[in-house]
C-alpha atoms as a PDB file:
ATOM      1  CA  MET A   1       0.000   0.000   0.000  1.00  0.00           C
ATOM      2  CA  SER A   2       1.312   3.446  -0.853  1.00  0.00           C
ATOM      3  CA  GLU A   3       0.351   6.913   0.274  1.00  0.00           C
ATOM      4  CA  PHE A   4       0.630   8.368  -3.228  1.00  0.00           C
ATOM      5  CA  PRO A   5      -2.332  10.141  -4.844  1.00  0.00           C
ATOM      6  CA  ARG A   6      -4.388   8.248  -7.413  1.00  0.00           C
ATOM      7  CA  THR A   7      -3.745  10.998  -9.935  1.00  0.00           C
ATOM      8  CA  ILE A   8      -0.282   9.638 -10.708  1.00  0.00           C
ATOM      9  CA  GLY A   9      -1.876   6.539 -12.228  1.00  0.00           C
ATOM     10  CA  LYS A  10      -2.123   2.877 -11.364  1.00  0.00           C
ATOM     11  CA  VAL A  11       0.954   1.821 -13.312  1.00  0.00           C
ATOM     12  CA  ALA A  12       3.155   4.492 -11.733  1.00  0.00           C
ATOM     13  CA  THR A  13       1.906   3.599  -8.259  1.00  0.00           C
ATOM     14  CA  ARG A  14       2.424  -0.125  -8.858  1.00  0.00           C
ATOM     15  CA  GLU A  15       5.929   0.328 -10.257  1.00  0.00           C
ATOM     16  CA  LEU A  16       7.030   2.741  -7.533  1.00  0.00           C
ATOM     17  CA  THR A  17       5.782   0.287  -4.921  1.00  0.00           C
ATOM     18  CA  ALA A  18       7.553  -2.601  -6.661  1.00  0.00           C
ATOM     19  CA  HIS A  19      10.787  -0.604  -6.441  1.00  0.00           C
ATOM     20  CA  GLY A  20      10.300   0.011  -2.724  1.00  0.00           C
ATOM     21  CA  TYR A  21       8.947   3.557  -2.877  1.00  0.00           C
ATOM     22  CA  THR A  22       5.757   3.557  -0.824  1.00  0.00           C
ATOM     23  CA  THR A  23       5.976   6.789   1.161  1.00  0.00           C
ATOM     24  CA  PHE A  24       6.861  10.388   0.457  1.00  0.00           C
ATOM     25  CA  ASP A  25       9.844  10.008   2.776  1.00  0.00           C
ATOM     26  CA  SER A  26      11.172   7.233   0.544  1.00  0.00           C
ATOM     27  CA  LEU A  27      11.073   9.612  -2.437  1.00  0.00           C
ATOM     28  CA  THR A  28      13.447  12.017  -0.692  1.00  0.00           C
ATOM     29  CA  LYS A  29      16.199   9.419  -1.088  1.00  0.00           C
ATOM     30  CA  VAL A  30      16.036   9.311  -4.891  1.00  0.00           C
ATOM     31  CA  SER A  31      16.210  11.911  -7.646  1.00  0.00           C
ATOM     32  CA  ALA A  32      13.405  12.650 -10.075  1.00  0.00           C
ATOM     33  CA  LYS A  33      15.811  11.670 -12.863  1.00  0.00           C
ATOM     34  CA  GLU A  34      16.214   8.196 -11.363  1.00  0.00           C
ATOM     35  CA  LEU A  35      12.468   7.790 -10.878  1.00  0.00           C
ATOM     36  CA  LEU A  36      11.870   8.631 -14.535  1.00  0.00           C
ATOM     37  CA  LYS A  37      13.886   5.517 -15.443  1.00  0.00           C
ATOM     38  CA  ILE A  38      11.193   3.325 -13.873  1.00  0.00           C
ATOM     39  CA  HIS A  39       8.697   1.964 -16.379  1.00  0.00           C
ATOM     40  CA  GLY A  40       5.351   3.700 -16.025  1.00  0.00           C
ATOM     41  CA  VAL A  41       6.677   6.705 -14.130  1.00  0.00           C
ATOM     42  CA  GLY A  42       6.491   9.730 -16.388  1.00  0.00           C
ATOM     43  CA  PRO A  43       6.757  13.497 -16.172  1.00  0.00           C
ATOM     44  CA  LYS A  44       3.164  13.881 -14.957  1.00  0.00           C
ATOM     45  CA  ALA A  45       3.731  11.536 -12.010  1.00  0.00           C
ATOM     46  CA  ILE A  46       7.023  13.259 -11.185  1.00  0.00           C
ATOM     47  CA  ARG A  47       5.322  16.671 -11.234  1.00  0.00           C
ATOM     48  CA  ILE A  48       2.413  15.562  -9.040  1.00  0.00           C
ATOM     49  CA  LEU A  49       4.664  13.786  -6.561  1.00  0.00           C
ATOM     50  CA  GLY A  50       7.030  16.780  -6.525  1.00  0.00           C
ATOM     51  CA  GLU A  51       4.129  19.085  -5.684  1.00  0.00           C
ATOM     52  CA  GLU A  52       3.052  16.743  -2.878  1.00  0.00           C
ATOM     53  CA  LEU A  53       6.609  16.609  -1.547  1.00  0.00           C
ATOM     54  CA  ALA A  54       6.837  20.413  -1.611  1.00  0.00           C
ATOM     55  CA  ALA A  55       3.550  20.681   0.283  1.00  0.00           C
ATOM     56  CA  ARG A  56       5.198  18.566   2.972  1.00  0.00           C
ATOM     57  CA  GLY A  57       8.372  20.670   2.973  1.00  0.00           C
ATOM     58  CA  LYS A  58      10.409  17.969   1.225  1.00  0.00           C
ATOM     59  CA  THR A  59      12.107  17.441  -2.142  1.00  0.00           C
ATOM     60  CA  TYR A  60      13.534  14.674  -4.267  1.00  0.00           C
ATOM     61  CA  ALA A  61      17.201  13.904  -3.693  1.00  0.00           C
ATOM     62  CA  ALA A  62      19.671  15.914  -5.779  1.00  0.00           C
ATOM     63  CA  ASN A  63      20.785  14.357  -9.055  1.00  0.00           C
END
């Protein structure tokens, strides 16, 4: 189970979870560039997740 919003899509959620990313805290340990390499995770998902991270005062890891 992940805490990610449905708006990123089922495939993106499934693939992020399969790679061990299930919380917003887990996304702070990886860069957006690395996440884009995961099948099913595209620019829209990265943007939405980035906005959610920012709302929580967090960011992706630096490249």
